[in-house]
Amino acid sequence: MVEFGEWLCKEVLKGVPHRHFVFSIPKILRRYFLYDRKLLSDLSRCGWESLKVFFQETVPEEDAVHSAVIAIQSFGDFLGSNPHLHMLCRDGCFYGNGKFRVAPFFDLKALEEIFPAKDGIFNRHKVFKMLLSKGKITEDLVNMLMSWCHSGFNVFCEPRTHPCDEKAMEKLARYIIRASFSQERISYIPEESKVIYQSKDGKEEKIFDALEWIAAICSHVPYKGEQMVRYYGYYSNVSRGKRKKQNQDGMIPSILEPVDSSEARVLYSCISHMPAKTNSSFE
């Protein structure tokens, strides 16, 4: 984790403000990702496309390019199935020749509406559309979830991390690839073949049969060749490779102040008037 954090900060992340997002999905949908891990990469793409659209609409430049490093995690408390995304992204967009426009202050609720509600900006739900295309869910399930007051989709965002705070950046980079369990919170009772696992705060614990514990751990082991950390936009392998060939990867960006773009105002205005519930078909 320490080595990854150092490498990510030195070789991938640029000296601009960043934010840490966490995208999570409803419990009713999590079982599909448990039994088909290939869906996790599709979930990563859904999160990236939502974030890209959102940030590109917050800056006025037409050639704005967003970027993110997304770590896919499939576990929750007590090793339960909880597929979610940890996204370390730039708080703004690059454009032109090494210029960076910082994103203005935004309402997190607007991003939540894009991620769980519509494809692109106002079209279909990205995750629903993906699961429908894979034959995992039905439109009846989609309509039921869309009718709930709280759909179970959630977006968490931490405050902006400034480029001068190197320790905070490395801490975030290490955190997004943390292990599914902590050895310090495990107790083994050999006489009973039982494993006791404590919660992070130490207030709760769960008892596993030894074989159940092994099965729970194995359910989060990636497939051979499965990439659990993905790089998008300006941070993609292709983009970084091109800049290195042109000797531009070490270029220090010019950071420009945010602007209140008309596109961002339209985005927020349209989202704020979207209905909370809908029974419309996703055809």
Protein backbone atom coordinates (compact mmCIF):
# COMPACT_ATOMS: atom_id res chain seq x y z
CA MET A 1 0.00 0.00 0.00
CA VAL A 2 2.83 2.38 0.86
CA GLU A 3 4.65 1.63 -2.39
CA PHE A 4 1.48 2.09 -4.42
CA GLY A 5 0.75 5.41 -2.71
CA GLU A 6 4.24 6.73 -3.45
CA TRP A 7 4.16 5.54 -7.06
CA LEU A 8 0.70 6.96 -7.73
CA CYS A 9 1.58 10.39 -6.35
CA LYS A 10 4.91 10.58 -8.20
CA GLU A 11 4.08 8.94 -11.53
CA VAL A 12 0.36 9.49 -12.15
CA LEU A 13 -1.24 12.26 -10.10
CA LYS A 14 -0.38 15.81 -11.09
CA GLY A 15 0.14 18.85 -8.86
CA VAL A 16 -3.47 20.02 -8.93
CA PRO A 17 -6.37 19.81 -6.44
CA HIS A 18 -8.02 16.38 -6.08
CA ARG A 19 -11.12 14.94 -4.49
CA HIS A 20 -11.98 11.51 -3.11
CA PHE A 21 -15.41 10.15 -4.11
CA VAL A 22 -17.10 6.91 -3.07
CA PHE A 23 -19.92 5.56 -5.25
CA SER A 24 -22.09 2.77 -3.77
CA ILE A 25 -25.13 0.86 -5.01
CA PRO A 26 -28.29 -0.60 -3.36
CA LYS A 27 -28.10 -3.87 -1.43
CA ILE A 28 -30.64 -5.47 -3.76
CA LEU A 29 -28.19 -5.19 -6.68
CA ARG A 30 -25.01 -6.31 -4.90
CA ARG A 31 -25.55 -10.06 -5.33
CA TYR A 32 -25.16 -9.79 -9.11
CA PHE A 33 -21.62 -8.46 -8.68
CA LEU A 34 -20.80 -11.15 -6.11
CA TYR A 35 -21.55 -13.98 -8.55
CA ASP A 36 -20.23 -12.23 -11.66
CA ARG A 37 -17.08 -10.24 -10.93
CA LYS A 38 -16.84 -9.12 -14.57
CA LEU A 39 -19.62 -6.66 -13.77
CA LEU A 40 -17.26 -4.74 -11.50
CA SER A 41 -15.35 -3.33 -14.47
CA ASP A 42 -18.67 -2.19 -15.97
CA LEU A 43 -19.55 -0.52 -12.67
CA SER A 44 -16.22 1.30 -12.79
CA ARG A 45 -17.03 2.59 -16.27
CA CYS A 46 -20.46 3.80 -15.10
CA GLY A 47 -18.89 5.76 -12.28
CA TRP A 48 -16.25 7.28 -14.55
CA GLU A 49 -18.73 8.37 -17.22
CA SER A 50 -20.96 10.03 -14.62
CA LEU A 51 -18.05 11.86 -13.03
CA LYS A 52 -16.60 12.90 -16.40
CA VAL A 53 -19.87 14.43 -17.58
CA PHE A 54 -20.33 16.24 -14.30
CA PHE A 55 -16.89 17.87 -14.17
CA GLN A 56 -16.76 18.74 -17.86
CA GLU A 57 -19.99 20.68 -17.40
CA THR A 58 -18.49 22.72 -14.55
CA VAL A 59 -15.77 24.35 -16.71
CA PRO A 60 -16.37 26.55 -19.78
CA GLU A 61 -13.56 25.20 -22.01
CA GLU A 62 -14.76 22.93 -24.84
CA ASP A 63 -11.59 20.80 -24.88
CA ALA A 64 -11.70 20.10 -21.14
CA VAL A 65 -10.35 16.66 -20.17
CA HIS A 66 -11.14 15.09 -16.83
CA SER A 67 -9.22 12.27 -15.15
CA ALA A 68 -9.58 9.77 -12.34
CA VAL A 69 -8.01 6.76 -10.68
CA ILE A 70 -10.74 4.33 -9.68
CA ALA A 71 -10.22 1.45 -7.25
CA ILE A 72 -12.91 -1.23 -7.28
CA GLN A 73 -13.74 -2.79 -3.92
CA SER A 74 -16.19 -5.67 -3.50
CA PHE A 75 -16.27 -5.98 0.29
CA GLY A 76 -18.04 -4.27 3.17
CA ASP A 77 -18.21 -4.79 6.91
CA PHE A 78 -17.49 -8.36 8.02
CA LEU A 79 -16.49 -9.28 4.44
CA GLY A 80 -20.04 -8.97 3.15
CA SER A 81 -20.68 -8.22 -0.50
CA ASN A 82 -20.61 -4.45 -1.02
CA PRO A 83 -19.31 -3.49 -4.47
CA HIS A 84 -18.36 0.19 -4.51
CA LEU A 85 -15.92 2.56 -6.13
CA HIS A 86 -13.21 4.67 -4.57
CA MET A 87 -12.44 7.45 -7.02
CA LEU A 88 -9.45 9.75 -6.69
CA CYS A 89 -10.07 12.44 -9.28
CA ARG A 90 -8.89 15.92 -10.13
CA ASP A 91 -11.11 18.70 -8.89
CA GLY A 92 -11.40 20.27 -12.32
CA CYS A 93 -10.21 19.63 -15.88
CA PHE A 94 -7.10 20.06 -18.01
CA TYR A 95 -7.41 21.92 -21.29
CA GLY A 96 -5.20 23.51 -23.90
CA ASN A 97 -1.46 23.22 -23.40
CA GLY A 98 -0.99 22.29 -19.75
CA LYS A 99 -3.69 24.52 -18.25
CA PHE A 100 -5.94 23.35 -15.44
CA ARG A 101 -9.30 24.90 -14.58
CA VAL A 102 -10.43 24.28 -11.00
CA ALA A 103 -14.06 23.23 -10.68
CA PRO A 104 -16.38 25.66 -8.87
CA PHE A 105 -18.23 24.76 -5.70
CA PHE A 106 -20.91 22.20 -6.55
CA ASP A 107 -23.89 20.61 -4.91
CA LEU A 108 -23.12 16.94 -4.24
CA LYS A 109 -26.81 16.14 -4.63
CA ALA A 110 -26.52 17.03 -8.31
CA LEU A 111 -23.88 14.35 -8.83
CA GLU A 112 -26.00 11.80 -6.95
CA GLU A 113 -28.82 12.52 -9.39
CA ILE A 114 -26.59 11.85 -12.41
CA PHE A 115 -25.09 8.63 -11.08
CA PRO A 116 -28.28 6.83 -10.05
CA ALA A 117 -30.79 8.41 -12.37
CA LYS A 118 -29.78 9.04 -15.91
CA ASP A 119 -27.39 7.96 -18.65
CA GLY A 120 -25.23 10.81 -19.97
CA ILE A 121 -26.89 13.75 -18.22
CA PHE A 122 -30.64 13.27 -18.55
CA ASN A 123 -31.02 9.94 -20.33
CA ARG A 124 -31.03 6.41 -18.88
CA HIS A 125 -29.67 5.20 -15.61
CA LYS A 126 -26.10 4.00 -16.26
CA VAL A 127 -26.03 1.10 -13.81
CA PHE A 128 -29.57 0.02 -14.64
CA LYS A 129 -28.87 0.15 -18.36
CA MET A 130 -25.73 -1.93 -17.90
CA LEU A 131 -27.45 -4.61 -15.80
CA LEU A 132 -30.43 -4.70 -18.17
CA SER A 133 -28.12 -5.26 -21.15
CA LYS A 134 -26.45 -8.15 -19.30
CA GLY A 135 -29.82 -9.76 -18.56
CA LYS A 136 -29.26 -9.52 -14.79
CA ILE A 137 -32.36 -7.50 -13.88
CA THR A 138 -35.79 -6.72 -15.28
CA GLU A 139 -37.54 -3.43 -15.96
CA ASP A 140 -39.97 -4.23 -13.14
CA LEU A 141 -37.08 -4.16 -10.69
CA VAL A 142 -35.83 -0.91 -12.20
CA ASN A 143 -39.23 0.74 -11.86
CA MET A 144 -39.55 -0.49 -8.28
CA LEU A 145 -36.16 0.99 -7.31
CA MET A 146 -36.91 4.27 -9.09
CA SER A 147 -40.16 4.56 -7.12
CA TRP A 148 -38.38 4.40 -3.77
CA CYS A 149 -37.73 7.64 -1.90
CA HIS A 150 -34.20 6.42 -1.17
CA SER A 151 -32.93 4.29 -4.05
CA GLY A 152 -29.83 3.06 -2.21
CA PHE A 153 -27.41 4.76 -4.60
CA ASN A 154 -25.05 7.05 -2.74
CA VAL A 155 -22.16 9.38 -3.54
CA PHE A 156 -19.75 10.41 -0.77
CA CYS A 157 -17.27 13.22 -1.33
CA GLU A 158 -14.42 14.39 0.86
CA PRO A 159 -13.18 18.00 0.93
CA ARG A 160 -10.71 19.13 -1.70
CA THR A 161 -7.13 17.95 -1.18
CA HIS A 162 -4.57 20.56 -2.21
CA PRO A 163 -1.45 19.55 -4.20
CA CYS A 164 0.91 20.87 -1.53
CA ASP A 165 -0.48 18.39 1.01
CA GLU A 166 1.63 15.40 -0.09
CA LYS A 167 0.95 13.35 3.04
CA ALA A 168 -2.83 13.59 2.56
CA MET A 169 -2.51 12.57 -1.10
CA GLU A 170 -0.40 9.52 -0.27
CA LYS A 171 -2.78 8.55 2.53
CA LEU A 172 -5.70 8.63 0.09
CA ALA A 173 -3.75 6.63 -2.49
CA ARG A 174 -3.01 3.92 0.08
CA TYR A 175 -6.58 3.87 1.39
CA ILE A 176 -8.25 3.14 -1.95
CA ILE A 177 -6.42 -0.23 -2.25
CA ARG A 178 -6.78 -1.38 1.35
CA ALA A 179 -7.24 -5.09 2.05
CA SER A 180 -10.65 -6.69 2.54
CA PHE A 181 -9.91 -7.54 6.20
CA SER A 182 -7.57 -6.57 9.02
CA GLN A 183 -5.41 -9.18 10.73
CA GLU A 184 -5.48 -7.18 13.97
CA ARG A 185 -9.25 -7.65 14.24
CA ILE A 186 -9.18 -11.45 13.82
CA SER A 187 -9.30 -13.94 16.70
CA TYR A 188 -9.19 -17.69 16.08
CA ILE A 189 -10.56 -20.33 18.45
CA PRO A 190 -8.88 -23.60 17.33
CA GLU A 191 -10.89 -25.84 19.69
CA GLU A 192 -14.13 -24.78 18.00
CA SER A 193 -12.75 -23.95 14.54
CA LYS A 194 -14.28 -20.51 14.86
CA VAL A 195 -13.11 -17.08 13.71
CA ILE A 196 -14.19 -13.93 15.56
CA TYR A 197 -13.96 -10.73 13.54
CA GLN A 198 -14.40 -7.34 15.19
CA SER A 199 -15.77 -4.20 13.60
CA LYS A 200 -13.47 -1.24 13.06
CA ASP A 201 -14.77 0.58 16.14
CA GLY A 202 -14.60 -2.59 18.25
CA LYS A 203 -18.29 -2.36 19.23
CA GLU A 204 -19.49 -5.31 17.15
CA GLU A 205 -18.22 -8.74 16.23
CA LYS A 206 -19.24 -11.62 14.03
CA ILE A 207 -18.44 -15.29 14.51
CA PHE A 208 -17.57 -17.39 11.46
CA ASP A 209 -17.06 -21.09 11.06
CA ALA A 210 -13.47 -21.52 9.85
CA LEU A 211 -14.55 -22.73 6.40
CA GLU A 212 -17.13 -19.92 6.14
CA TRP A 213 -14.37 -17.43 6.91
CA ILE A 214 -12.15 -18.83 4.17
CA ALA A 215 -15.06 -18.77 1.72
CA ALA A 216 -15.82 -15.14 2.61
CA ILE A 217 -12.20 -14.15 1.96
CA CYS A 218 -12.02 -16.07 -1.32
CA SER A 219 -15.17 -14.37 -2.63
CA HIS A 220 -13.16 -11.13 -2.84
CA VAL A 221 -10.08 -12.56 -4.54
CA PRO A 222 -9.82 -11.06 -8.07
CA TYR A 223 -9.80 -13.29 -11.13
CA LYS A 224 -6.49 -13.88 -12.84
CA GLY A 225 -5.66 -10.74 -14.80
CA GLU A 226 -8.54 -8.75 -13.26
CA GLN A 227 -7.60 -5.09 -12.82
CA MET A 228 -8.92 -3.64 -9.58
CA VAL A 229 -7.43 -0.17 -10.19
CA ARG A 230 -8.30 1.63 -13.42
CA TYR A 231 -7.03 4.88 -14.90
CA TYR A 232 -9.22 7.19 -16.97
CA GLY A 233 -8.95 10.37 -19.03
CA TYR A 234 -5.76 12.36 -18.55
CA TYR A 235 -4.48 9.65 -16.19
CA SER A 236 -5.09 6.75 -18.57
CA ASN A 237 -2.15 4.60 -19.67
CA VAL A 238 -2.53 5.81 -23.26
CA SER A 239 -2.51 9.50 -22.30
CA ARG A 240 0.45 9.10 -19.95
CA GLY A 241 2.36 7.13 -22.60
CA LYS A 242 1.83 9.84 -25.23
CA ARG A 243 2.99 12.59 -22.89
CA LYS A 244 6.11 10.65 -21.96
CA LYS A 245 7.02 10.18 -25.64
CA GLN A 246 6.66 13.93 -26.14
CA ASN A 247 8.58 14.69 -22.90
CA GLN A 248 5.54 16.55 -21.55
CA ASP A 249 4.54 14.32 -18.63
CA GLY A 250 6.63 16.32 -16.16
CA MET A 251 5.15 19.64 -17.23
CA ILE A 252 3.95 21.79 -14.32
CA PRO A 253 0.31 22.79 -14.96
CA SER A 254 -0.98 26.35 -14.79
CA ILE A 255 -3.84 26.33 -12.28
CA LEU A 256 -6.67 28.75 -13.09
CA GLU A 257 -9.45 29.88 -10.79
CA PRO A 258 -12.95 28.38 -11.21
CA VAL A 259 -15.64 30.15 -13.17
CA ASP A 260 -19.41 29.98 -12.91
CA SER A 261 -20.09 28.52 -16.36
CA SER A 262 -23.48 28.71 -18.05
CA GLU A 263 -23.31 24.96 -18.71
CA ALA A 264 -22.97 24.26 -14.99
CA ARG A 265 -25.94 26.53 -14.20
CA VAL A 266 -28.08 24.73 -16.79
CA LEU A 267 -27.01 21.36 -15.41
CA TYR A 268 -27.93 22.25 -11.84
CA SER A 269 -31.19 23.91 -12.93
CA CYS A 270 -32.34 20.88 -14.92
CA ILE A 271 -31.38 18.43 -12.17
CA SER A 272 -33.15 20.43 -9.49
CA HIS A 273 -36.40 20.17 -11.49
CA MET A 274 -36.14 16.43 -12.15
CA PRO A 275 -38.94 14.39 -10.50
CA ALA A 276 -37.92 12.36 -7.47
CA LYS A 277 -39.97 9.38 -8.65
CA THR A 278 -40.66 7.98 -12.08
CA ASN A 279 -42.31 4.91 -13.54
CA SER A 280 -41.21 5.54 -17.11
CA SER A 281 -39.81 2.64 -19.11
CA PHE A 282 -36.09 2.44 -19.87
CA GLU A 283 -36.74 1.51 -23.50
